Amino acid sequence: LPVLNQPWLLTKFAALIVYILLGTIALKRGRTRRIRIGALGLELLTFAYIGGVAMSKSMTSWLAYFQV
């Protein structure tokens, strides 16, 4: 499987699963408004992480741009 050869791709796939699960909590499964808002915030952070992994092709996401 090509996914297993590229650690950043496997990380991106795992983060996508987390993003989907947080989305279901934010939209439907959260019992209280506070839980739904918290899930939405984490979902947005996960989305930014996925974007960083896709752009840098590194598991460190956006931090890869700050390495010297």
N, C-alpha and C. Protein backbone atom coordinates (compact mmCIF):
# COMPACT_ATOMS: atom_id res chain seq x y z
N LEU A 1 0.84 -1.20 0.00
CA LEU A 1 0.00 0.00 0.00
C LEU A 1 0.88 1.26 0.00
N PRO A 2 0.60 2.19 -0.89
CA PRO A 2 1.42 3.40 -0.95
C PRO A 2 1.27 4.30 0.28
N VAL A 3 0.16 4.19 0.97
CA VAL A 3 -0.05 5.02 2.16
C VAL A 3 0.95 4.68 3.25
N LEU A 4 1.30 3.43 3.37
CA LEU A 4 2.22 3.00 4.42
C LEU A 4 3.65 3.42 4.14
N ASN A 5 3.97 3.74 2.90
CA ASN A 5 5.33 4.16 2.55
C ASN A 5 5.56 5.64 2.84
N GLN A 6 4.52 6.41 2.95
CA GLN A 6 4.61 7.85 3.16
C GLN A 6 3.99 8.20 4.52
N PRO A 7 4.80 8.46 5.55
CA PRO A 7 4.23 8.74 6.87
C PRO A 7 3.32 9.97 6.89
N TRP A 8 3.64 10.99 6.10
CA TRP A 8 2.79 12.19 6.10
C TRP A 8 1.42 11.89 5.53
N LEU A 9 1.33 10.97 4.56
CA LEU A 9 0.05 10.62 3.97
C LEU A 9 -0.81 9.83 4.95
N LEU A 10 -0.17 8.94 5.70
CA LEU A 10 -0.88 8.18 6.73
C LEU A 10 -1.38 9.12 7.83
N THR A 11 -0.56 10.10 8.19
CA THR A 11 -0.97 11.09 9.19
C THR A 11 -2.15 11.91 8.70
N LYS A 12 -2.12 12.30 7.44
CA LYS A 12 -3.21 13.07 6.86
C LYS A 12 -4.50 12.27 6.85
N PHE A 13 -4.41 11.00 6.53
CA PHE A 13 -5.58 10.13 6.53
C PHE A 13 -6.16 9.97 7.93
N ALA A 14 -5.30 9.79 8.92
CA ALA A 14 -5.75 9.66 10.31
C ALA A 14 -6.41 10.96 10.79
N ALA A 15 -5.83 12.10 10.41
CA ALA A 15 -6.41 13.39 10.79
C ALA A 15 -7.76 13.60 10.11
N LEU A 16 -7.92 13.07 8.91
CA LEU A 16 -9.21 13.17 8.22
C LEU A 16 -10.28 12.39 8.97
N ILE A 17 -9.94 11.23 9.49
CA ILE A 17 -10.88 10.44 10.29
C ILE A 17 -11.29 11.23 11.55
N VAL A 18 -10.30 11.85 12.21
CA VAL A 18 -10.59 12.66 13.40
C VAL A 18 -11.49 13.83 13.04
N TYR A 19 -11.22 14.46 11.89
CA TYR A 19 -12.03 15.59 11.42
C TYR A 19 -13.48 15.18 11.20
N ILE A 20 -13.70 14.03 10.61
CA ILE A 20 -15.06 13.54 10.37
C ILE A 20 -15.77 13.24 11.68
N LEU A 21 -15.07 12.60 12.61
CA LEU A 21 -15.68 12.28 13.90
C LEU A 21 -16.04 13.56 14.67
N LEU A 22 -15.15 14.55 14.66
CA LEU A 22 -15.46 15.81 15.33
C LEU A 22 -16.63 16.52 14.66
N GLY A 23 -16.73 16.38 13.34
CA GLY A 23 -17.85 16.98 12.62
C GLY A 23 -19.18 16.37 13.03
N THR A 24 -19.21 15.06 13.24
CA THR A 24 -20.46 14.44 13.67
C THR A 24 -20.84 14.88 15.08
N ILE A 25 -19.85 15.10 15.93
CA ILE A 25 -20.13 15.60 17.28
C ILE A 25 -20.63 17.04 17.22
N ALA A 26 -19.99 17.86 16.39
CA ALA A 26 -20.37 19.27 16.29
C ALA A 26 -21.76 19.44 15.69
N LEU A 27 -22.13 18.58 14.77
CA LEU A 27 -23.41 18.76 14.09
C LEU A 27 -24.57 18.01 14.73
N LYS A 28 -24.29 16.86 15.34
CA LYS A 28 -25.41 16.02 15.74
C LYS A 28 -25.26 15.36 17.11
N ARG A 29 -24.12 14.78 17.37
CA ARG A 29 -23.98 13.92 18.54
C ARG A 29 -23.66 14.63 19.85
N GLY A 30 -23.26 15.88 19.79
CA GLY A 30 -22.96 16.60 21.02
C GLY A 30 -24.22 16.85 21.84
N ARG A 31 -24.18 16.49 23.11
CA ARG A 31 -25.38 16.60 23.94
C ARG A 31 -25.71 18.04 24.32
N THR A 32 -24.68 18.81 24.56
CA THR A 32 -24.92 20.20 24.96
C THR A 32 -24.30 21.15 23.93
N ARG A 33 -24.73 22.40 24.01
CA ARG A 33 -24.19 23.41 23.10
C ARG A 33 -22.69 23.60 23.32
N ARG A 34 -22.26 23.52 24.56
CA ARG A 34 -20.85 23.69 24.90
C ARG A 34 -19.98 22.61 24.25
N ILE A 35 -20.45 21.37 24.27
CA ILE A 35 -19.73 20.27 23.64
C ILE A 35 -19.66 20.47 22.13
N ARG A 36 -20.76 20.91 21.54
CA ARG A 36 -20.78 21.13 20.09
C ARG A 36 -19.83 22.25 19.67
N ILE A 37 -19.79 23.32 20.44
CA ILE A 37 -18.89 24.43 20.12
C ILE A 37 -17.43 24.00 20.29
N GLY A 38 -17.15 23.24 21.34
CA GLY A 38 -15.79 22.73 21.54
C GLY A 38 -15.36 21.81 20.40
N ALA A 39 -16.28 20.95 19.96
CA ALA A 39 -15.98 20.05 18.84
C ALA A 39 -15.76 20.85 17.55
N LEU A 40 -16.51 21.92 17.37
CA LEU A 40 -16.32 22.77 16.19
C LEU A 40 -14.94 23.41 16.21
N GLY A 41 -14.52 23.91 17.36
CA GLY A 41 -13.19 24.50 17.46
C GLY A 41 -12.09 23.50 17.16
N LEU A 42 -12.22 22.31 17.72
CA LEU A 42 -11.22 21.27 17.45
C LEU A 42 -11.25 20.82 15.99
N GLU A 43 -12.44 20.84 15.41
CA GLU A 43 -12.57 20.48 14.00
C GLU A 43 -11.84 21.49 13.11
N LEU A 44 -11.96 22.77 13.43
CA LEU A 44 -11.27 23.79 12.66
C LEU A 44 -9.75 23.67 12.79
N LEU A 45 -9.28 23.37 14.00
CA LEU A 45 -7.85 23.16 14.20
C LEU A 45 -7.35 21.93 13.43
N THR A 46 -8.15 20.89 13.41
CA THR A 46 -7.80 19.69 12.66
C THR A 46 -7.74 19.97 11.17
N PHE A 47 -8.68 20.78 10.69
CA PHE A 47 -8.68 21.16 9.28
C PHE A 47 -7.41 21.92 8.92
N ALA A 48 -7.01 22.84 9.78
CA ALA A 48 -5.78 23.59 9.55
C ALA A 48 -4.56 22.66 9.57
N TYR A 49 -4.57 21.69 10.47
CA TYR A 49 -3.48 20.72 10.54
C TYR A 49 -3.39 19.90 9.25
N ILE A 50 -4.54 19.45 8.75
CA ILE A 50 -4.57 18.67 7.51
C ILE A 50 -4.01 19.50 6.36
N GLY A 51 -4.39 20.76 6.30
CA GLY A 51 -3.86 21.64 5.25
C GLY A 51 -2.36 21.81 5.36
N GLY A 52 -1.86 21.95 6.57
CA GLY A 52 -0.42 22.08 6.78
C GLY A 52 0.34 20.83 6.39
N VAL A 53 -0.22 19.68 6.70
CA VAL A 53 0.42 18.41 6.33
C VAL A 53 0.43 18.27 4.81
N ALA A 54 -0.65 18.65 4.17
CA ALA A 54 -0.73 18.53 2.71
C ALA A 54 0.27 19.45 2.02
N MET A 55 0.45 20.65 2.56
CA MET A 55 1.35 21.61 1.92
C MET A 55 2.83 21.30 2.19
N SER A 56 3.14 20.89 3.43
CA SER A 56 4.54 20.67 3.79
C SER A 56 5.01 19.24 3.56
N LYS A 57 4.06 18.32 3.39
CA LYS A 57 4.37 16.89 3.27
C LYS A 57 5.25 16.42 4.44
N SER A 58 4.88 16.91 5.63
CA SER A 58 5.58 16.57 6.85
C SER A 58 4.55 16.39 7.96
N MET A 59 4.82 15.47 8.88
CA MET A 59 3.89 15.23 9.98
C MET A 59 3.83 16.40 10.96
N THR A 60 4.83 17.27 10.91
CA THR A 60 4.84 18.42 11.81
C THR A 60 3.96 19.56 11.32
N SER A 61 3.35 19.39 10.17
CA SER A 61 2.40 20.35 9.60
C SER A 61 3.03 21.72 9.44
N TRP A 62 2.45 22.74 10.02
CA TRP A 62 2.91 24.12 9.85
C TRP A 62 4.26 24.37 10.52
N LEU A 63 4.61 23.57 11.51
CA LEU A 63 5.89 23.76 12.17
C LEU A 63 7.07 23.43 11.26
N ALA A 64 6.84 22.69 10.19
CA ALA A 64 7.90 22.35 9.26
C ALA A 64 8.47 23.60 8.58
N TYR A 65 7.69 24.64 8.46
CA TYR A 65 8.15 25.88 7.83
C TYR A 65 9.04 26.70 8.74
N PHE A 66 9.02 26.43 10.04
CA PHE A 66 9.79 27.21 11.00
C PHE A 66 11.09 26.54 11.43
N GLN A 67 11.38 25.37 10.89
CA GLN A 67 12.60 24.66 11.23
C GLN A 67 13.78 25.31 10.52
N VAL A 68 14.88 25.37 11.22
CA VAL A 68 16.09 26.00 10.64
C VAL A 68 17.03 24.93 10.14
